[in-house]
Amino acid sequence: MANPLLRFLGINRRAQLSSPWADRSTLETATWGHLLGLDADQLPPTRREAMSVAALARGRNLIAASVGRLPLIAMRGPTPMPETPQLIRQPEAGRPRFLTLTWIVDALIWYGVAWLLITDRTADGRPARLAWVPQWHASVDENGDLTAAWDKPITPDQVIRIDGFHEGVLTASGDRIRAALRLDRASLRATDNPVPQVELHQVSGTPLSAEEAREFVASYVASRARSGVSYTNQSIETKTHGTNSENLLIDGRKAAALDAARVLGLPAWAVDAPTDGTSMNYTNVPSRARELIDYTLAPYMEAITSRLSMDDVLPRGQWCRFDTDPLLADSFGDRMASYKTALETGVYTLDDLKAREHGTPLEESETDQ
């Protein structure tokens, strides 16, 4: 009785303890599937299932981590502020800005919305610290408004909602994700069992009973799983029926990888998806980084900065933007040549160029405070 219950709860012998940030959506799917009498393939895929697809996981990691590593710059009008507000410098207490931004982008990718709970305020009542609320710890009403986080009720004035530019990949592309999952399962089955159908045919001796036949088949399968070698006596003939179409599986997985790239808005090279007949070539890293920013990262970056720049977060006249220099940096020689030109034409001062080269500090220095 215990084993079916454990399987229903998604627990197996290899299960490991997870962090408080672990995705709980698999359990919710199992529960809804059981209550509604639906097969898992008839329900929307979960984040955990999507992340088990290699191409989707690579795409998500590339998008989320690329945005997460970019510094946020606080602006007043057209000029960077000499002192960066704490909310921009490190939104969450005890968590690096990189992780906060990475998980905000993760939520925008999969769910199309990210929730931030205001945990501290400035003297004038504006948000000073935030806490990212995982989707699996968020409760929303019929209007899509957050009503509770971590099972604690909250009010609208405690929430900052960041809306994405689509309804979430899990909702919009569920069929594509399910197809990729089926291909992955078929590939694993082909690896474990290169011959898809085996018949153990008894040709002599006393016929085996149904129970004996089941035990014999189970023993045969277990032996093949352990070592790939099995034994049958002269009474049993092993017959194989059909062979796996390896080329179809390979082509199918290539197509699934391309679909994953399209779903995430990424170029094929970003998920290592092979393409035939492409005419676009790249000679340096900044060219690819520019394409990545323009066609994939920019909407996520704009969703975050435009929301944090609204008057209920930053005072009127202040706004924030991402510094894309870490992704677009040329080689040292090219940078120095550009700096020389900028200095000679007066576009930048020497201090400006030093700041660009050294990057944006995590914390303000004592002289800036």
Protein backbone atom coordinates (compact mmCIF):
# COMPACT_ATOMS: atom_id res chain seq x y z
CA MET A 1 0.00 0.00 0.00
CA ALA A 2 2.89 2.34 0.78
CA ASN A 3 4.52 2.14 -2.65
CA PRO A 4 1.51 3.43 -4.65
CA LEU A 5 1.14 6.25 -2.14
CA LEU A 6 4.80 7.21 -2.47
CA ARG A 7 4.54 7.13 -6.24
CA PHE A 8 1.44 9.33 -6.08
CA LEU A 9 3.34 11.86 -3.95
CA GLY A 10 6.25 11.82 -6.35
CA ILE A 11 8.61 10.24 -3.79
CA ASN A 12 11.08 7.52 -4.66
CA ARG A 13 14.10 5.90 -3.07
CA ARG A 14 16.44 8.27 -4.83
CA ALA A 15 14.59 11.37 -3.63
CA GLN A 16 16.80 13.92 -1.91
CA LEU A 17 16.12 16.69 0.56
CA SER A 18 15.48 19.93 -1.29
CA SER A 19 15.97 23.55 -0.33
CA PRO A 20 13.10 25.82 0.73
CA TRP A 21 13.28 27.30 -2.79
CA ALA A 22 12.61 23.93 -4.46
CA ASP A 23 9.79 23.75 -6.99
CA ARG A 24 6.69 22.06 -5.50
CA SER A 25 4.64 22.16 -8.71
CA THR A 26 5.07 18.43 -9.42
CA LEU A 27 3.06 17.51 -6.32
CA GLU A 28 0.32 19.96 -7.30
CA THR A 29 0.11 18.40 -10.77
CA ALA A 30 -0.14 14.90 -9.32
CA THR A 31 -2.90 16.03 -6.97
CA TRP A 32 -4.95 17.74 -9.68
CA GLY A 33 -4.46 14.82 -12.04
CA HIS A 34 -5.74 12.42 -9.40
CA LEU A 35 -8.73 14.59 -8.47
CA LEU A 36 -9.76 15.21 -12.09
CA GLY A 37 -8.95 11.73 -13.35
CA LEU A 38 -6.59 13.08 -15.98
CA ASP A 39 -3.34 11.70 -17.30
CA ALA A 40 -0.25 13.83 -16.69
CA ASP A 41 0.06 14.54 -20.42
CA GLN A 42 -3.35 16.22 -20.32
CA LEU A 43 -2.24 18.74 -17.68
CA PRO A 44 0.00 21.77 -18.20
CA PRO A 45 3.67 20.88 -17.70
CA THR A 46 5.40 21.96 -14.51
CA ARG A 47 8.56 23.99 -14.22
CA ARG A 48 10.43 20.94 -12.95
CA GLU A 49 9.36 18.93 -15.99
CA ALA A 50 10.38 21.75 -18.34
CA MET A 51 13.78 22.04 -16.66
CA SER A 52 14.34 18.32 -17.21
CA VAL A 53 14.49 19.03 -20.97
CA ALA A 54 18.14 19.79 -21.65
CA ALA A 55 17.56 22.46 -24.31
CA LEU A 56 14.98 24.32 -22.18
CA ALA A 57 17.23 24.15 -19.11
CA ARG A 58 20.18 25.51 -21.07
CA GLY A 59 18.06 28.30 -22.53
CA ARG A 60 16.61 29.25 -19.17
CA ASN A 61 20.03 29.27 -17.52
CA LEU A 62 21.48 31.41 -20.31
CA ILE A 63 18.69 34.00 -20.19
CA ALA A 64 18.29 34.20 -16.42
CA ALA A 65 21.98 34.18 -15.56
CA SER A 66 22.87 36.67 -18.32
CA VAL A 67 20.39 39.21 -16.97
CA GLY A 68 21.30 38.40 -13.37
CA ARG A 69 24.97 39.24 -13.86
CA LEU A 70 24.27 42.71 -15.25
CA PRO A 71 24.65 45.62 -12.81
CA LEU A 72 21.69 47.90 -12.20
CA ILE A 73 22.46 51.61 -12.48
CA ALA A 74 20.34 54.21 -10.69
CA MET A 75 19.72 57.32 -12.79
CA ARG A 76 18.44 60.82 -12.09
CA GLY A 77 17.35 62.21 -15.40
CA PRO A 78 20.15 61.46 -17.91
CA THR A 79 22.87 61.20 -15.24
CA PRO A 80 23.89 58.22 -13.07
CA MET A 81 23.26 58.89 -9.40
CA PRO A 82 26.39 59.26 -7.24
CA GLU A 83 24.84 56.98 -4.62
CA THR A 84 22.88 53.90 -5.63
CA PRO A 85 19.73 53.26 -3.54
CA GLN A 86 19.84 50.10 -1.48
CA LEU A 87 16.84 48.71 -3.36
CA ILE A 88 18.81 48.81 -6.62
CA ARG A 89 22.14 47.76 -5.14
CA GLN A 90 20.86 44.70 -3.25
CA PRO A 91 17.06 44.22 -3.34
CA GLU A 92 16.95 41.28 -0.89
CA ALA A 93 18.60 41.16 2.49
CA GLY A 94 21.05 38.28 2.69
CA ARG A 95 20.91 37.43 -1.03
CA PRO A 96 23.17 38.74 -3.79
CA ARG A 97 21.54 40.87 -6.45
CA PHE A 98 22.58 38.26 -9.01
CA LEU A 99 20.37 35.59 -7.45
CA THR A 100 17.40 37.93 -6.98
CA LEU A 101 17.46 39.04 -10.61
CA THR A 102 18.08 35.50 -11.86
CA TRP A 103 15.00 34.14 -10.11
CA ILE A 104 12.85 37.12 -11.17
CA VAL A 105 13.73 36.35 -14.79
CA ASP A 106 13.06 32.65 -14.16
CA ALA A 107 9.53 33.49 -13.00
CA LEU A 108 8.97 35.73 -16.03
CA ILE A 109 10.09 32.94 -18.37
CA TRP A 110 7.92 30.16 -16.98
CA TYR A 111 4.93 32.00 -15.50
CA GLY A 112 4.91 35.42 -17.16
CA VAL A 113 4.82 37.23 -13.81
CA ALA A 114 7.15 37.73 -10.84
CA TRP A 115 6.08 38.68 -7.32
CA LEU A 116 8.16 40.81 -4.94
CA LEU A 117 7.14 41.28 -1.33
CA ILE A 118 8.14 44.55 0.34
CA THR A 119 9.93 43.65 3.58
CA ASP A 120 11.38 47.04 4.57
CA ARG A 121 10.71 50.68 3.73
CA THR A 122 12.62 53.95 3.70
CA ALA A 123 11.78 56.88 5.95
CA ASP A 124 9.42 58.28 3.29
CA GLY A 125 7.61 54.94 2.94
CA ARG A 126 9.16 53.70 -0.29
CA PRO A 127 10.38 50.10 -0.65
CA ALA A 128 13.90 49.57 0.72
CA ARG A 129 14.10 45.77 0.73
CA LEU A 130 12.20 43.13 -1.20
CA ALA A 131 11.75 39.36 -1.12
CA TRP A 132 11.16 37.37 -4.28
CA VAL A 133 8.11 35.09 -3.85
CA PRO A 134 8.39 31.72 -5.64
CA GLN A 135 5.31 30.84 -7.65
CA TRP A 136 4.84 27.63 -5.67
CA HIS A 137 4.66 29.67 -2.44
CA ALA A 138 2.27 32.26 -3.88
CA SER A 139 -1.53 32.28 -3.63
CA VAL A 140 -3.50 34.37 -6.13
CA ASP A 141 -7.16 35.20 -6.47
CA GLU A 142 -9.38 34.97 -9.55
CA ASN A 143 -8.07 38.35 -10.75
CA GLY A 144 -4.47 37.16 -10.64
CA ASP A 145 -3.57 39.30 -7.61
CA LEU A 146 -1.26 37.97 -4.92
CA THR A 147 -3.17 37.36 -1.69
CA ALA A 148 -0.73 35.25 0.34
CA ALA A 149 2.97 34.38 0.35
CA TRP A 150 4.38 31.42 2.22
CA ASP A 151 0.86 30.81 3.56
CA LYS A 152 0.71 34.27 5.16
CA PRO A 153 -1.97 36.74 3.99
CA ILE A 154 -0.72 39.99 2.49
CA THR A 155 -2.26 43.25 1.30
CA PRO A 156 -1.85 44.86 -2.16
CA ASP A 157 0.39 47.63 -0.80
CA GLN A 158 2.96 45.00 0.23
CA VAL A 159 3.43 43.67 -3.30
CA ILE A 160 5.35 44.72 -6.37
CA ARG A 161 4.18 42.80 -9.41
CA ILE A 162 6.45 42.52 -12.46
CA ASP A 163 4.58 41.45 -15.59
CA GLY A 164 6.36 39.78 -18.47
CA PHE A 165 5.73 40.29 -22.15
CA HIS A 166 4.05 36.89 -22.58
CA GLU A 167 1.82 34.65 -20.49
CA GLY A 168 4.60 32.25 -19.54
CA VAL A 169 6.21 29.40 -21.46
CA LEU A 170 4.46 26.73 -19.37
CA THR A 171 1.08 28.12 -20.44
CA ALA A 172 1.86 29.18 -24.00
CA SER A 173 4.00 26.22 -25.11
CA GLY A 174 2.81 23.29 -23.03
CA ASP A 175 2.37 21.02 -26.06
CA ARG A 176 5.95 21.65 -27.22
CA ILE A 177 7.29 20.88 -23.75
CA ARG A 178 5.26 17.67 -23.53
CA ALA A 179 6.54 16.58 -26.95
CA ALA A 180 10.13 17.17 -25.84
CA LEU A 181 9.50 15.16 -22.66
CA ARG A 182 8.12 12.24 -24.65
CA LEU A 183 11.17 12.30 -26.93
CA ASP A 184 13.47 12.29 -23.90
CA ARG A 185 11.64 9.32 -22.41
CA ALA A 186 11.80 7.45 -25.72
CA SER A 187 15.53 8.13 -25.94
CA LEU A 188 16.09 6.81 -22.43
CA ARG A 189 14.07 3.69 -23.18
CA ALA A 190 16.12 3.14 -26.32
CA THR A 191 19.30 3.44 -24.27
CA ASP A 192 18.12 0.95 -21.66
CA ASN A 193 16.61 -1.41 -24.20
CA PRO A 194 18.04 -1.15 -27.74
CA VAL A 195 15.63 -3.88 -28.85
CA PRO A 196 12.16 -2.47 -28.20
CA GLN A 197 10.22 -5.75 -28.03
CA VAL A 198 11.58 -9.12 -26.87
CA GLU A 199 9.60 -12.35 -26.78
CA LEU A 200 10.75 -15.26 -24.61
CA HIS A 201 9.21 -18.14 -26.53
CA GLN A 202 9.05 -21.59 -24.91
CA VAL A 203 9.75 -24.28 -27.52
CA SER A 204 9.93 -27.44 -25.35
CA GLY A 205 9.47 -28.80 -21.88
CA THR A 206 6.56 -28.46 -19.50
CA PRO A 207 4.66 -25.24 -20.19
CA LEU A 208 5.25 -22.58 -17.58
CA SER A 209 2.34 -21.36 -15.53
CA ALA A 210 1.33 -17.72 -15.72
CA GLU A 211 3.03 -17.00 -12.42
CA GLU A 212 6.22 -18.81 -13.45
CA ALA A 213 6.26 -16.94 -16.75
CA ARG A 214 5.97 -13.59 -14.99
CA GLU A 215 8.81 -14.49 -12.61
CA PHE A 216 10.96 -15.65 -15.51
CA VAL A 217 10.34 -12.46 -17.49
CA ALA A 218 11.08 -10.32 -14.42
CA SER A 219 14.34 -12.19 -13.87
CA TYR A 220 15.28 -11.76 -17.53
CA VAL A 221 14.55 -8.02 -17.47
CA ALA A 222 16.47 -7.54 -14.20
CA SER A 223 19.50 -9.40 -15.58
CA ARG A 224 19.50 -7.32 -18.77
CA ALA A 225 19.20 -4.10 -16.75
CA ARG A 226 22.18 -4.99 -14.55
CA SER A 227 24.68 -6.23 -17.09
CA GLY A 228 23.07 -6.38 -20.53
CA VAL A 229 23.59 -10.17 -20.47
CA SER A 230 20.94 -12.82 -19.82
CA TYR A 231 20.71 -16.62 -19.94
CA THR A 232 18.09 -18.92 -21.38
CA ASN A 233 18.18 -22.74 -21.61
CA GLN A 234 17.31 -24.94 -24.56
CA SER A 235 13.60 -24.70 -23.77
CA ILE A 236 13.43 -20.93 -24.30
CA GLU A 237 14.00 -19.14 -27.56
CA THR A 238 14.61 -15.38 -27.53
CA LYS A 239 12.83 -13.58 -30.34
CA THR A 240 13.15 -9.88 -31.15
CA HIS A 241 10.47 -7.90 -32.95
CA GLY A 242 11.45 -4.65 -34.62
CA THR A 243 14.32 -2.29 -33.91
CA ASN A 244 14.49 1.24 -32.60
CA SER A 245 14.59 3.88 -35.29
CA GLU A 246 17.65 5.70 -33.99
CA ASN A 247 17.68 8.24 -36.78
CA LEU A 248 14.10 9.22 -36.05
CA LEU A 249 14.94 9.75 -32.38
CA ILE A 250 18.00 11.81 -33.24
CA ASP A 251 16.10 13.95 -35.74
CA GLY A 252 13.23 14.32 -33.29
CA ARG A 253 15.51 15.56 -30.53
CA LYS A 254 17.15 18.03 -32.92
CA ALA A 255 13.71 19.36 -33.84
CA ALA A 256 12.77 19.54 -30.15
CA ALA A 257 15.91 21.55 -29.40
CA LEU A 258 15.04 24.00 -32.18
CA ASP A 259 11.50 24.26 -30.81
CA ALA A 260 12.93 24.99 -27.35
CA ALA A 261 15.03 27.81 -28.82
CA ARG A 262 11.99 29.27 -30.58
CA VAL A 263 9.83 28.98 -27.48
CA LEU A 264 12.41 30.89 -25.42
CA GLY A 265 13.13 33.40 -28.19
CA LEU A 266 16.73 32.27 -28.49
CA PRO A 267 18.90 31.73 -31.56
CA ALA A 268 19.62 28.07 -32.29
CA TRP A 269 23.28 28.37 -31.27
CA ALA A 270 22.26 29.35 -27.75
CA VAL A 271 20.90 25.85 -27.03
CA ASP A 272 23.41 24.01 -29.24
CA ALA A 273 20.65 23.12 -31.69
CA PRO A 274 22.09 22.13 -35.09
CA THR A 275 20.69 23.97 -38.10
CA ASP A 276 21.12 23.19 -41.77
CA GLY A 277 21.62 25.81 -44.42
CA THR A 278 22.00 28.75 -42.06
CA SER A 279 23.64 31.79 -43.63
CA MET A 280 24.46 33.67 -40.42
CA ASN A 281 28.02 33.43 -39.13
CA TYR A 282 29.69 35.09 -36.18
CA THR A 283 33.33 36.00 -35.83
CA ASN A 284 33.42 37.26 -32.24
CA VAL A 285 31.67 36.96 -28.90
CA PRO A 286 30.27 40.55 -28.78
CA SER A 287 28.34 39.92 -32.01
CA ARG A 288 26.52 37.00 -30.44
CA ALA A 289 26.06 38.90 -27.18
CA ARG A 290 24.52 41.82 -29.07
CA GLU A 291 22.05 39.50 -30.79
CA LEU A 292 21.24 37.87 -27.46
CA ILE A 293 20.52 41.23 -25.82
CA ASP A 294 18.53 42.69 -28.71
CA TYR A 295 16.30 39.71 -29.46
CA THR A 296 16.05 37.80 -26.17
CA LEU A 297 17.22 39.61 -23.04
CA ALA A 298 15.92 43.14 -23.73
CA PRO A 299 12.21 42.40 -23.03
CA TYR A 300 13.04 40.83 -19.65
CA MET A 301 15.41 43.65 -18.77
CA GLU A 302 12.81 46.27 -19.71
CA ALA A 303 10.07 44.49 -17.72
CA ILE A 304 12.22 44.66 -14.58
CA THR A 305 13.65 48.17 -14.91
CA SER A 306 10.43 49.81 -16.04
CA ARG A 307 8.57 48.39 -13.02
CA LEU A 308 11.29 49.39 -10.55
CA SER A 309 11.38 52.87 -12.11
CA MET A 310 7.70 53.56 -11.43
CA ASP A 311 6.86 56.29 -8.93
CA ASP A 312 5.66 53.88 -6.24
CA VAL A 313 9.17 52.38 -6.07
CA LEU A 314 11.68 55.12 -6.96
CA PRO A 315 10.96 58.85 -6.47
CA ARG A 316 9.79 60.84 -9.48
CA GLY A 317 12.73 61.74 -11.71
CA GLN A 318 14.72 58.65 -10.71
CA TRP A 319 14.89 55.49 -12.75
CA CYS A 320 17.17 52.52 -13.31
CA ARG A 321 18.69 50.67 -16.21
CA PHE A 322 20.93 47.69 -16.80
CA ASP A 323 24.59 48.12 -17.66
CA THR A 324 25.19 45.77 -20.60
CA ASP A 325 28.95 46.34 -20.73
CA PRO A 326 29.77 43.01 -19.01
CA LEU A 327 28.14 41.15 -21.92
CA LEU A 328 29.45 43.38 -24.71
CA ALA A 329 33.05 43.84 -23.62
CA ASP A 330 35.53 43.63 -26.50
CA SER A 331 39.07 42.37 -26.21
CA PHE A 332 41.52 44.46 -24.17
CA GLY A 333 43.19 45.86 -27.29
CA ASP A 334 39.90 46.87 -28.90
CA ARG A 335 38.71 48.50 -25.68
CA MET A 336 41.88 50.54 -25.33
CA ALA A 337 41.62 51.75 -28.93
CA SER A 338 38.01 52.80 -28.35
CA TYR A 339 38.92 54.54 -25.10
CA LYS A 340 41.70 56.47 -26.86
CA THR A 341 39.25 57.76 -29.45
CA ALA A 342 36.63 58.64 -26.80
CA LEU A 343 39.22 60.50 -24.74
CA GLU A 344 40.59 62.46 -27.70
CA THR A 345 37.13 63.52 -28.86
CA GLY A 346 36.02 64.47 -25.37
CA VAL A 347 33.13 62.01 -25.24
CA TYR A 348 34.44 60.58 -21.96
CA THR A 349 36.86 61.79 -19.31
CA LEU A 350 39.67 59.65 -17.95
CA ASP A 351 37.66 59.02 -14.78
CA ASP A 352 34.67 57.91 -16.89
CA LEU A 353 36.83 55.43 -18.76
CA LYS A 354 38.32 54.08 -15.56
CA ALA A 355 34.83 53.54 -14.19
CA ARG A 356 33.76 51.70 -17.34
CA GLU A 357 36.83 49.50 -17.25
CA HIS A 358 36.64 48.67 -13.54
CA GLY A 359 32.91 47.96 -13.56
CA THR A 360 30.14 48.88 -11.11
CA PRO A 361 30.97 48.14 -7.44
CA LEU A 362 28.60 46.02 -5.39
CA GLU A 363 28.59 48.51 -2.54
CA GLU A 364 29.12 52.24 -2.31
CA SER A 365 32.44 53.37 -0.92
CA GLU A 366 32.52 55.36 2.30
CA THR A 367 33.36 58.53 0.38
CA ASP A 368 30.16 58.18 -1.71
CA GLN A 369 27.88 57.82 1.28
